[in-house]
Amino acid sequence: MMNADPRPSPERQVRQRIIVPSRMVQFGLDEKFESDPYDIDLKSILTPSEYTQHVDTLNEALKPARPKTLDQAVFYGMGTVIFTAPCAYIVYKRKKKRKKLLFEAISRFNAANPNLFMRWNRRPDSFISIERRTSQHVASKSAPNYMTGGGGDQTRELSVSDIRGGGKTAFDMKPMIVGGANKI
């Protein structure tokens, strides 16, 4: 006779999360997160007014990365060979800026809301989700900082004299930690 517990174990519990939908704006050149909670199941994680406030804050943070009039003109003139390279460069810079602003806005949300956790899920589809914070979401001290490249793995800085040998053996060299506050 099996003793089956009807409650799922803590490891097997399904995370309840709000998936923030997005829509295309500016003729498909950018996307904006939907701040209207009408068709969204908030799962008692946020109230409709809190959801609207947080998503509006996220959209405002991403506003500087939206394409300008010149960007749109270059994009629509891309059929000519002259505008192809500038358009690719502008799109690359804008996406890089948008990603940086998105990570900053998510970090601010996570710092301001100790019971909630926002994340950008990239696989299988790219979307923003908001969920209740669990022990998995507590950041460790050595967690990598994706904005500055610090934390995580420590790397050693090499100089030209290290590569050439500089009259020293490998045991005489003094390692320098890059990306951290401590220098040995």
Protein backbone atom coordinates (compact mmCIF):
# COMPACT_ATOMS: atom_id res chain seq x y z
CA MET A 1 0.00 0.00 0.00
CA MET A 2 1.51 3.30 -1.11
CA ASN A 3 1.36 6.36 1.08
CA ALA A 4 0.55 9.06 -1.47
CA ASP A 5 0.56 12.60 -0.15
CA PRO A 6 -1.91 14.71 -2.18
CA ARG A 7 0.16 17.87 -1.62
CA PRO A 8 3.07 18.40 -4.01
CA SER A 9 6.50 18.51 -2.44
CA PRO A 10 8.15 21.96 -2.21
CA GLU A 11 10.61 20.99 -4.94
CA ARG A 12 7.78 20.00 -7.29
CA GLN A 13 5.50 22.99 -6.74
CA VAL A 14 4.69 24.85 -9.91
CA ARG A 15 5.72 28.48 -9.77
CA GLN A 16 2.89 30.91 -10.08
CA ARG A 17 3.96 33.78 -12.22
CA ILE A 18 2.50 36.63 -14.16
CA ILE A 19 3.64 36.72 -17.76
CA VAL A 20 3.70 40.33 -18.92
CA PRO A 21 2.47 40.48 -22.54
CA SER A 22 4.05 42.84 -25.03
CA ARG A 23 2.92 44.50 -28.24
CA MET A 24 4.69 46.03 -31.21
CA VAL A 25 4.90 49.82 -31.47
CA GLN A 26 6.35 52.29 -33.99
CA PHE A 27 5.54 50.17 -37.04
CA GLY A 28 7.17 47.07 -35.60
CA LEU A 29 10.51 48.66 -34.73
CA ASP A 30 10.04 48.26 -30.97
CA GLU A 31 7.86 46.54 -28.41
CA LYS A 32 6.04 47.85 -25.37
CA PHE A 33 4.79 45.88 -22.38
CA GLU A 34 1.03 45.81 -21.90
CA SER A 35 0.10 47.73 -18.76
CA ASP A 36 -3.64 47.00 -18.89
CA PRO A 37 -4.35 44.04 -16.57
CA TYR A 38 -7.73 43.26 -18.20
CA ASP A 39 -7.06 39.78 -19.66
CA ILE A 40 -4.11 38.91 -17.44
CA ASP A 41 -4.41 36.41 -14.60
CA LEU A 42 -2.60 38.18 -11.75
CA LYS A 43 -2.84 35.09 -9.47
CA SER A 44 -3.11 37.30 -6.36
CA ILE A 45 0.55 38.23 -6.74
CA LEU A 46 -0.23 41.87 -7.55
CA THR A 47 -3.34 44.02 -7.53
CA PRO A 48 -4.39 45.50 -10.88
CA SER A 49 -3.24 48.99 -9.86
CA GLU A 50 0.17 47.70 -8.69
CA TYR A 51 0.59 45.75 -11.93
CA THR A 52 -0.23 48.84 -14.01
CA GLN A 53 2.17 50.97 -11.98
CA HIS A 54 5.08 48.51 -12.28
CA VAL A 55 4.63 47.90 -16.01
CA ASP A 56 4.29 51.64 -16.70
CA THR A 57 7.55 52.19 -14.80
CA LEU A 58 9.20 49.48 -16.91
CA ASN A 59 7.94 51.08 -20.14
CA GLU A 60 9.16 54.52 -19.03
CA ALA A 61 12.60 53.10 -18.29
CA LEU A 62 12.79 51.66 -21.82
CA LYS A 63 11.64 54.84 -23.55
CA PRO A 64 15.18 56.21 -24.23
CA ALA A 65 15.93 53.08 -26.30
CA ARG A 66 12.99 53.58 -28.66
CA PRO A 67 13.82 54.45 -32.28
CA LYS A 68 13.92 58.14 -33.16
CA THR A 69 12.68 59.71 -36.38
CA LEU A 70 16.11 59.44 -37.99
CA ASP A 71 16.28 55.74 -37.08
CA GLN A 72 12.93 55.14 -38.76
CA ALA A 73 13.96 57.06 -41.88
CA VAL A 74 17.17 55.04 -42.20
CA PHE A 75 15.24 51.79 -41.60
CA TYR A 76 12.69 52.50 -44.32
CA GLY A 77 15.44 53.57 -46.72
CA MET A 78 17.22 50.26 -46.14
CA GLY A 79 16.29 48.99 -49.60
CA THR A 80 19.15 51.01 -50.98
CA VAL A 81 22.68 49.79 -50.48
CA ILE A 82 23.75 53.10 -48.93
CA PHE A 83 21.48 52.74 -45.87
CA THR A 84 22.05 49.05 -45.08
CA ALA A 85 25.21 49.41 -42.96
CA PRO A 86 24.00 52.47 -40.98
CA CYS A 87 20.68 50.75 -40.33
CA ALA A 88 22.39 47.62 -39.01
CA TYR A 89 24.61 49.73 -36.76
CA ILE A 90 21.66 51.77 -35.42
CA VAL A 91 19.61 48.62 -34.70
CA TYR A 92 22.60 47.00 -32.96
CA LYS A 93 23.19 50.04 -30.72
CA ARG A 94 19.48 50.41 -29.93
CA LYS A 95 19.11 46.73 -28.95
CA LYS A 96 22.20 46.93 -26.76
CA LYS A 97 20.87 50.06 -25.03
CA ARG A 98 17.41 48.49 -24.60
CA LYS A 99 18.89 45.38 -23.00
CA LYS A 100 20.95 47.49 -20.60
CA LEU A 101 17.93 49.62 -19.63
CA LEU A 102 15.78 46.50 -19.24
CA PHE A 103 18.26 44.87 -16.84
CA GLU A 104 18.53 48.10 -14.84
CA ALA A 105 14.73 48.40 -14.55
CA ILE A 106 14.43 44.75 -13.49
CA SER A 107 17.16 45.25 -10.87
CA ARG A 108 15.37 48.32 -9.50
CA PHE A 109 12.07 46.39 -9.34
CA ASN A 110 13.70 43.47 -7.52
CA ALA A 111 15.41 45.81 -5.04
CA ALA A 112 12.21 47.75 -4.34
CA ASN A 113 9.99 44.67 -3.94
CA PRO A 114 11.51 42.16 -1.49
CA ASN A 115 8.59 39.71 -1.87
CA LEU A 116 8.47 39.74 -5.68
CA PHE A 117 10.93 38.73 -8.37
CA MET A 118 10.92 39.99 -11.95
CA ARG A 119 12.95 38.23 -14.61
CA TRP A 120 13.49 38.33 -18.33
CA ASN A 121 12.98 34.82 -19.68
CA ARG A 122 14.73 34.35 -23.00
CA ARG A 123 13.91 30.73 -23.80
CA PRO A 124 11.82 29.31 -25.42
CA ASP A 125 10.17 32.70 -25.98
CA SER A 126 11.33 36.09 -24.77
CA PHE A 127 9.04 37.54 -22.09
CA ILE A 128 9.03 39.29 -18.73
CA SER A 129 7.59 37.43 -15.76
CA ILE A 130 6.79 38.47 -12.19
CA GLU A 131 6.62 35.84 -9.46
CA ARG A 132 6.80 35.50 -5.72
CA ARG A 133 10.34 35.47 -4.38
CA THR A 134 11.63 32.12 -3.12
CA SER A 135 14.92 31.01 -1.62
CA GLN A 136 16.23 30.45 -5.18
CA HIS A 137 15.89 34.15 -5.94
CA VAL A 138 18.11 35.35 -3.11
CA ALA A 139 21.20 36.74 -4.79
CA SER A 140 24.49 35.38 -3.58
CA LYS A 141 27.46 37.65 -3.03
CA SER A 142 29.40 36.07 -5.90
CA ALA A 143 26.55 36.30 -8.40
CA PRO A 144 27.74 37.83 -11.66
CA ASN A 145 26.83 41.41 -12.40
CA TYR A 146 25.79 41.34 -16.03
CA MET A 147 25.95 45.12 -16.38
CA THR A 148 29.61 45.54 -15.46
CA GLY A 149 30.95 42.04 -16.03
CA GLY A 150 32.13 41.80 -12.42
CA GLY A 151 31.63 38.97 -9.97
CA GLY A 152 31.33 35.32 -10.86
CA ASP A 153 34.59 33.92 -12.16
CA GLN A 154 37.74 35.77 -11.20
CA THR A 155 40.19 36.34 -14.01
CA ARG A 156 43.87 37.16 -13.92
CA GLU A 157 45.26 40.20 -15.69
CA LEU A 158 48.35 39.49 -17.77
CA SER A 159 50.93 42.04 -18.74
CA VAL A 160 53.42 41.89 -21.61
CA SER A 161 56.23 41.02 -19.20
CA ASP A 162 54.18 38.08 -17.89
CA ILE A 163 53.76 36.73 -21.40
CA ARG A 164 57.44 37.14 -22.28
CA GLY A 165 58.52 35.76 -18.93
CA GLY A 166 60.12 38.97 -17.67
CA GLY A 167 62.86 37.02 -15.91
CA LYS A 168 60.38 35.56 -13.44
CA THR A 169 59.11 32.07 -13.00
CA ALA A 170 55.43 31.25 -12.71
CA PHE A 171 55.83 30.97 -8.92
CA ASP A 172 57.26 34.49 -8.60
CA MET A 173 54.37 36.21 -10.40
CA LYS A 174 51.82 38.03 -8.31
CA PRO A 175 48.22 37.46 -9.48
CA MET A 176 45.88 40.43 -9.90
CA ILE A 177 42.14 39.94 -9.56
CA VAL A 178 40.13 41.85 -12.16
CA GLY A 179 36.47 42.64 -11.66
CA GLY A 180 36.58 42.52 -7.88
CA ALA A 181 37.49 45.03 -5.23
CA ASN A 182 40.41 43.00 -3.87
CA LYS A 183 43.78 43.22 -5.55
CA ILE A 184 46.40 40.80 -4.34
